[in-house]
């Protein structure tokens, strides 16, 4: 389960809307399954169909919490796409969150060996 405070969810949504028409991406910092911060990153692909997360290495080195990747889908549902599955890389088996801009939904998943599994996600105040 991933617990996301409403303020963190709002930060994810704001970033997704600001980056349109391209996908946004960032890191969700987790403390025992509870999100404590959303860190905006840059989508080096600058694409509406895929993301290539870039975060300054010095900033990344400062992070001492577990991390989940977050990215947006502009018009498709907040569910991993074939591209997401094919490009999972170092995020395999870890929480993988997608914000659907069109329907304003946030969903959590894991992707491992080509298999997609949903994770419970709870937004709290």
N, C-alpha and C. Protein backbone atom coordinates (compact mmCIF):
# COMPACT_ATOMS: atom_id res chain seq x y z
N UNK A 1 0.84 -1.18 0.00
CA UNK A 1 0.00 0.00 0.00
C UNK A 1 0.89 1.25 0.00
N UNK A 2 0.44 2.25 -0.73
CA UNK A 2 1.11 3.54 -0.74
C UNK A 2 0.13 4.57 -0.21
N UNK A 3 0.54 5.31 0.81
CA UNK A 3 -0.29 6.37 1.40
C UNK A 3 0.27 7.70 0.93
N UNK A 4 -0.59 8.52 0.32
CA UNK A 4 -0.17 9.79 -0.25
C UNK A 4 -0.98 10.93 0.37
N UNK A 5 -0.33 11.83 1.10
CA UNK A 5 -1.05 13.00 1.59
C UNK A 5 -1.60 13.83 0.43
N UNK A 6 -2.73 14.48 0.66
CA UNK A 6 -3.37 15.26 -0.40
C UNK A 6 -2.44 16.33 -0.97
N UNK A 7 -1.62 16.95 -0.13
CA UNK A 7 -0.70 17.99 -0.61
C UNK A 7 0.34 17.40 -1.58
N UNK A 8 0.78 16.19 -1.33
CA UNK A 8 1.74 15.53 -2.23
C UNK A 8 1.05 15.18 -3.54
N UNK A 9 -0.17 14.66 -3.44
CA UNK A 9 -0.93 14.36 -4.67
C UNK A 9 -1.13 15.63 -5.48
N UNK A 10 -1.44 16.73 -4.83
CA UNK A 10 -1.63 18.00 -5.53
C UNK A 10 -0.35 18.45 -6.23
N UNK A 11 0.81 18.23 -5.59
CA UNK A 11 2.08 18.59 -6.20
C UNK A 11 2.33 17.77 -7.47
N UNK A 12 1.97 16.49 -7.42
CA UNK A 12 2.10 15.63 -8.60
C UNK A 12 1.19 16.13 -9.72
N UNK A 13 -0.06 16.43 -9.38
CA UNK A 13 -1.02 16.91 -10.37
C UNK A 13 -0.60 18.25 -10.96
N UNK A 14 -0.11 19.18 -10.13
CA UNK A 14 0.34 20.48 -10.62
C UNK A 14 1.49 20.32 -11.60
N UNK A 15 2.42 19.44 -11.28
CA UNK A 15 3.57 19.21 -12.16
C UNK A 15 3.10 18.62 -13.49
N UNK A 16 2.19 17.65 -13.43
CA UNK A 16 1.69 17.02 -14.65
C UNK A 16 1.02 18.04 -15.57
N UNK A 17 0.20 18.90 -14.99
CA UNK A 17 -0.48 19.93 -15.80
C UNK A 17 0.53 20.94 -16.36
N UNK A 18 1.54 21.29 -15.58
CA UNK A 18 2.53 22.27 -16.02
C UNK A 18 3.38 21.75 -17.18
N UNK A 19 3.63 20.45 -17.22
CA UNK A 19 4.48 19.87 -18.25
C UNK A 19 3.74 19.54 -19.55
N UNK A 20 2.40 19.52 -19.50
CA UNK A 20 1.64 19.21 -20.71
C UNK A 20 2.05 20.18 -21.82
N UNK A 21 2.23 19.72 -23.03
CA UNK A 21 1.74 18.47 -23.60
C UNK A 21 2.71 17.29 -23.47
N UNK A 22 3.75 17.41 -22.66
CA UNK A 22 4.66 16.28 -22.46
C UNK A 22 4.35 15.60 -21.13
N UNK A 23 4.79 14.36 -21.00
CA UNK A 23 4.66 13.66 -19.73
C UNK A 23 5.59 14.31 -18.70
N UNK A 24 5.12 14.37 -17.47
CA UNK A 24 5.96 14.82 -16.36
C UNK A 24 6.53 13.58 -15.69
N UNK A 25 7.57 13.79 -14.88
CA UNK A 25 8.11 12.69 -14.10
C UNK A 25 8.81 13.23 -12.86
N UNK A 26 8.89 12.38 -11.85
CA UNK A 26 9.55 12.76 -10.62
C UNK A 26 9.67 11.58 -9.69
N UNK A 27 10.13 11.86 -8.50
CA UNK A 27 10.29 10.83 -7.48
C UNK A 27 9.34 11.08 -6.33
N UNK A 28 8.77 10.03 -5.83
CA UNK A 28 7.97 10.07 -4.62
C UNK A 28 8.84 9.50 -3.51
N UNK A 29 9.11 10.30 -2.50
CA UNK A 29 9.94 9.84 -1.39
C UNK A 29 9.04 9.19 -0.36
N UNK A 30 9.40 7.98 0.03
CA UNK A 30 8.56 7.16 0.90
C UNK A 30 9.25 6.86 2.22
N UNK A 31 8.48 6.92 3.27
CA UNK A 31 8.94 6.51 4.60
C UNK A 31 7.97 5.44 5.07
N UNK A 32 8.39 4.18 4.91
CA UNK A 32 7.52 3.08 5.32
C UNK A 32 6.22 2.99 4.55
N UNK A 33 6.24 3.31 3.27
CA UNK A 33 5.03 3.22 2.45
C UNK A 33 4.20 4.49 2.45
N UNK A 34 4.60 5.48 3.23
CA UNK A 34 3.90 6.76 3.26
C UNK A 34 4.72 7.80 2.52
N UNK A 35 4.10 8.47 1.56
CA UNK A 35 4.79 9.51 0.80
C UNK A 35 5.03 10.72 1.70
N UNK A 36 6.25 11.22 1.66
CA UNK A 36 6.58 12.40 2.45
C UNK A 36 6.92 13.60 1.58
N UNK A 37 7.26 13.35 0.31
CA UNK A 37 7.62 14.46 -0.58
C UNK A 37 7.57 13.99 -2.03
N UNK A 38 7.18 14.91 -2.90
CA UNK A 38 7.30 14.69 -4.34
C UNK A 38 8.43 15.58 -4.84
N UNK A 39 9.38 14.99 -5.53
CA UNK A 39 10.52 15.72 -6.08
C UNK A 39 10.35 15.78 -7.60
N UNK A 40 10.14 16.98 -8.11
CA UNK A 40 10.03 17.15 -9.56
C UNK A 40 11.35 16.80 -10.23
N UNK A 41 11.24 16.11 -11.35
CA UNK A 41 12.41 15.81 -12.17
C UNK A 41 12.12 16.33 -13.57
N UNK A 42 13.09 16.20 -14.43
CA UNK A 42 12.94 16.63 -15.81
C UNK A 42 12.73 15.42 -16.71
N UNK A 43 11.80 15.55 -17.64
CA UNK A 43 11.61 14.52 -18.65
C UNK A 43 12.54 14.85 -19.81
N UNK A 44 13.72 14.20 -19.82
CA UNK A 44 14.70 14.48 -20.86
C UNK A 44 14.20 14.08 -22.25
N UNK A 45 13.20 13.20 -22.32
CA UNK A 45 12.64 12.81 -23.61
C UNK A 45 11.74 13.90 -24.18
N UNK A 46 11.23 14.78 -23.31
CA UNK A 46 10.32 15.84 -23.75
C UNK A 46 9.28 15.29 -24.72
N UNK A 47 8.55 14.27 -24.25
CA UNK A 47 7.62 13.53 -25.11
C UNK A 47 6.26 13.38 -24.42
N UNK A 48 5.19 13.37 -25.21
CA UNK A 48 3.87 13.09 -24.65
C UNK A 48 3.60 11.59 -24.49
N UNK A 49 4.55 10.74 -24.91
CA UNK A 49 4.31 9.30 -24.91
C UNK A 49 5.26 8.49 -24.04
N UNK A 50 6.34 9.10 -23.57
CA UNK A 50 7.29 8.38 -22.73
C UNK A 50 8.07 9.39 -21.90
N UNK A 51 8.76 8.88 -20.89
CA UNK A 51 9.55 9.78 -20.07
C UNK A 51 10.94 9.19 -19.87
N UNK A 52 11.87 10.09 -19.66
CA UNK A 52 13.25 9.75 -19.36
C UNK A 52 13.64 10.64 -18.17
N UNK A 53 13.53 10.09 -16.97
CA UNK A 53 13.71 10.86 -15.75
C UNK A 53 15.14 11.33 -15.58
N UNK A 54 15.29 12.64 -15.35
CA UNK A 54 16.59 13.21 -15.01
C UNK A 54 16.43 14.04 -13.75
N UNK A 55 17.27 13.77 -12.78
CA UNK A 55 17.35 14.55 -11.55
C UNK A 55 18.82 14.82 -11.30
N UNK A 56 19.13 16.05 -10.95
CA UNK A 56 20.52 16.40 -10.68
C UNK A 56 21.13 15.36 -9.73
N UNK A 57 22.27 14.78 -10.10
CA UNK A 57 22.89 13.74 -9.27
C UNK A 57 23.16 14.18 -7.84
N UNK A 58 23.50 15.45 -7.64
CA UNK A 58 23.73 15.94 -6.28
C UNK A 58 22.44 15.88 -5.46
N UNK A 59 21.32 16.23 -6.07
CA UNK A 59 20.02 16.17 -5.36
C UNK A 59 19.67 14.72 -5.06
N UNK A 60 19.89 13.85 -6.04
CA UNK A 60 19.58 12.43 -5.85
C UNK A 60 20.41 11.86 -4.70
N UNK A 61 21.66 12.27 -4.61
CA UNK A 61 22.55 11.76 -3.56
C UNK A 61 22.10 12.20 -2.17
N UNK A 62 21.37 13.29 -2.08
CA UNK A 62 20.87 13.79 -0.79
C UNK A 62 19.70 12.97 -0.27
N UNK A 63 19.05 12.22 -1.14
CA UNK A 63 17.83 11.48 -0.77
C UNK A 63 18.21 10.21 -0.03
N UNK A 64 17.69 10.07 1.18
CA UNK A 64 17.99 8.87 1.96
C UNK A 64 16.75 8.05 2.29
N UNK A 65 15.67 8.32 1.58
CA UNK A 65 14.42 7.57 1.76
C UNK A 65 14.20 6.66 0.56
N UNK A 66 13.29 5.68 0.73
CA UNK A 66 12.88 4.85 -0.41
C UNK A 66 12.24 5.76 -1.45
N UNK A 67 12.31 5.33 -2.70
CA UNK A 67 11.79 6.13 -3.80
C UNK A 67 10.87 5.32 -4.69
N UNK A 68 9.87 6.00 -5.18
CA UNK A 68 9.00 5.45 -6.22
C UNK A 68 9.05 6.44 -7.38
N UNK A 69 8.93 5.95 -8.58
CA UNK A 69 8.88 6.85 -9.72
C UNK A 69 7.42 7.23 -9.97
N UNK A 70 7.24 8.45 -10.44
CA UNK A 70 5.91 8.97 -10.78
C UNK A 70 6.02 9.59 -12.16
N UNK A 71 5.04 9.33 -12.99
CA UNK A 71 4.96 10.06 -14.26
C UNK A 71 3.51 10.22 -14.65
N UNK A 72 3.27 11.05 -15.65
CA UNK A 72 1.90 11.33 -16.05
C UNK A 72 1.58 10.68 -17.39
N UNK A 73 0.29 10.42 -17.55
CA UNK A 73 -0.27 10.06 -18.85
C UNK A 73 -1.26 11.17 -19.18
N UNK A 74 -1.12 11.73 -20.35
CA UNK A 74 -1.93 12.89 -20.71
C UNK A 74 -3.36 12.53 -21.09
N UNK A 75 -3.52 11.52 -21.93
CA UNK A 75 -4.87 11.18 -22.38
C UNK A 75 -5.25 9.74 -22.11
N UNK A 76 -4.30 8.92 -21.76
CA UNK A 76 -4.61 7.51 -21.47
C UNK A 76 -4.78 7.33 -19.97
N UNK A 77 -5.39 6.23 -19.57
CA UNK A 77 -5.64 5.99 -18.15
C UNK A 77 -4.34 5.89 -17.33
N UNK A 78 -4.48 6.02 -16.04
CA UNK A 78 -3.35 5.93 -15.10
C UNK A 78 -3.01 4.45 -14.88
N UNK A 79 -2.66 3.79 -15.96
CA UNK A 79 -2.29 2.38 -15.95
C UNK A 79 -1.04 2.22 -16.81
N UNK A 80 -0.10 1.36 -16.41
CA UNK A 80 1.12 1.22 -17.21
C UNK A 80 0.83 0.84 -18.66
N UNK A 81 1.50 1.53 -19.54
CA UNK A 81 1.39 1.25 -20.98
C UNK A 81 2.43 0.21 -21.37
N UNK A 82 2.36 -0.24 -22.59
CA UNK A 82 3.36 -1.17 -23.11
C UNK A 82 4.75 -0.53 -23.03
N UNK A 83 4.83 0.77 -23.34
CA UNK A 83 6.10 1.48 -23.24
C UNK A 83 6.62 1.48 -21.82
N UNK A 84 5.74 1.69 -20.84
CA UNK A 84 6.14 1.65 -19.43
C UNK A 84 6.73 0.29 -19.07
N UNK A 85 6.06 -0.76 -19.49
CA UNK A 85 6.51 -2.12 -19.17
C UNK A 85 7.87 -2.38 -19.83
N UNK A 86 8.02 -1.99 -21.08
CA UNK A 86 9.26 -2.23 -21.82
C UNK A 86 10.44 -1.44 -21.27
N UNK A 87 10.17 -0.28 -20.67
CA UNK A 87 11.24 0.60 -20.20
C UNK A 87 11.33 0.68 -18.68
N UNK A 88 10.88 -0.34 -17.97
CA UNK A 88 10.81 -0.28 -16.52
C UNK A 88 12.19 -0.12 -15.87
N UNK A 89 13.21 -0.72 -16.41
CA UNK A 89 14.57 -0.54 -15.92
C UNK A 89 14.72 -0.74 -14.42
N UNK A 90 15.37 0.23 -13.77
CA UNK A 90 15.66 0.08 -12.34
C UNK A 90 14.43 0.18 -11.45
N UNK A 91 13.28 0.49 -12.01
CA UNK A 91 12.05 0.59 -11.22
C UNK A 91 11.30 -0.73 -11.14
N UNK A 92 11.83 -1.78 -11.72
CA UNK A 92 11.17 -3.09 -11.69
C UNK A 92 10.94 -3.54 -10.25
N UNK A 93 9.71 -3.93 -9.97
CA UNK A 93 9.34 -4.44 -8.65
C UNK A 93 9.13 -3.37 -7.60
N UNK A 94 9.33 -2.12 -7.95
CA UNK A 94 9.17 -1.02 -7.00
C UNK A 94 7.86 -0.29 -7.29
N UNK A 95 7.35 0.48 -6.32
CA UNK A 95 6.14 1.25 -6.59
C UNK A 95 6.33 2.17 -7.81
N UNK A 96 5.33 2.17 -8.67
CA UNK A 96 5.36 2.88 -9.95
C UNK A 96 4.04 3.61 -10.07
N UNK A 97 4.05 4.92 -9.88
CA UNK A 97 2.81 5.69 -9.85
C UNK A 97 2.59 6.43 -11.14
N UNK A 98 1.34 6.51 -11.54
CA UNK A 98 0.96 7.22 -12.76
C UNK A 98 -0.18 8.16 -12.43
N UNK A 99 -0.04 9.40 -12.87
CA UNK A 99 -1.11 10.38 -12.73
C UNK A 99 -1.76 10.57 -14.09
N UNK A 100 -3.06 10.31 -14.17
CA UNK A 100 -3.83 10.50 -15.40
C UNK A 100 -4.37 11.92 -15.45
N UNK A 101 -3.83 12.74 -16.33
CA UNK A 101 -4.21 14.13 -16.42
C UNK A 101 -5.67 14.28 -16.84
N UNK A 102 -6.08 13.50 -17.83
CA UNK A 102 -7.44 13.64 -18.38
C UNK A 102 -8.51 13.41 -17.32
N UNK A 103 -8.34 12.35 -16.52
CA UNK A 103 -9.38 12.06 -15.52
C UNK A 103 -8.94 12.34 -14.08
N UNK A 104 -7.77 13.00 -13.93
CA UNK A 104 -7.27 13.43 -12.63
C UNK A 104 -7.20 12.29 -11.61
N UNK A 105 -6.64 11.16 -12.03
CA UNK A 105 -6.51 10.02 -11.12
C UNK A 105 -5.03 9.69 -10.90
N UNK A 106 -4.76 9.20 -9.71
CA UNK A 106 -3.42 8.74 -9.36
C UNK A 106 -3.54 7.27 -8.99
N UNK A 107 -2.69 6.45 -9.60
CA UNK A 107 -2.74 5.01 -9.34
C UNK A 107 -1.32 4.49 -9.13
N UNK A 108 -1.22 3.41 -8.36
CA UNK A 108 0.08 2.82 -8.05
C UNK A 108 0.12 1.38 -8.55
N UNK A 109 1.29 0.98 -9.03
CA UNK A 109 1.49 -0.33 -9.63
C UNK A 109 2.86 -0.86 -9.28
N UNK A 110 3.08 -2.12 -9.58
CA UNK A 110 4.43 -2.67 -9.69
C UNK A 110 4.49 -3.36 -11.04
N UNK A 111 5.68 -3.35 -11.61
CA UNK A 111 5.93 -4.03 -12.88
C UNK A 111 7.17 -4.88 -12.68
N UNK A 112 7.02 -6.17 -12.92
CA UNK A 112 8.14 -7.09 -12.75
C UNK A 112 8.03 -8.22 -13.75
N UNK A 113 9.09 -8.46 -14.50
CA UNK A 113 9.10 -9.52 -15.51
C UNK A 113 7.92 -9.41 -16.46
N UNK A 114 7.57 -8.19 -16.84
CA UNK A 114 6.48 -7.97 -17.78
C UNK A 114 5.09 -8.05 -17.18
N UNK A 115 5.01 -8.37 -15.90
CA UNK A 115 3.72 -8.48 -15.22
C UNK A 115 3.39 -7.18 -14.48
N UNK A 116 2.16 -6.74 -14.61
CA UNK A 116 1.68 -5.53 -13.96
C UNK A 116 0.76 -5.94 -12.81
N UNK A 117 1.01 -5.38 -11.63
CA UNK A 117 0.13 -5.63 -10.49
C UNK A 117 -0.23 -4.29 -9.84
N UNK A 118 -1.50 -4.15 -9.47
CA UNK A 118 -1.92 -2.90 -8.85
C UNK A 118 -1.52 -2.89 -7.38
N UNK A 119 -1.23 -1.71 -6.89
CA UNK A 119 -0.96 -1.50 -5.47
C UNK A 119 -2.07 -0.64 -4.91
N UNK A 120 -2.50 -0.91 -3.70
CA UNK A 120 -3.47 -0.03 -3.05
C UNK A 120 -2.83 1.33 -2.86
N UNK A 121 -3.59 2.37 -3.16
CA UNK A 121 -3.14 3.73 -2.96
C UNK A 121 -4.23 4.48 -2.23
N UNK A 122 -3.86 5.13 -1.14
CA UNK A 122 -4.81 5.88 -0.33
C UNK A 122 -4.33 7.32 -0.24
N UNK A 123 -5.20 8.26 -0.59
CA UNK A 123 -4.90 9.68 -0.43
C UNK A 123 -5.53 10.13 0.87
N UNK A 124 -4.72 10.76 1.74
CA UNK A 124 -5.19 11.21 3.05
C UNK A 124 -4.94 12.70 3.19
N UNK A 125 -5.70 13.32 4.08
CA UNK A 125 -5.49 14.76 4.37
C UNK A 125 -4.32 14.95 5.30
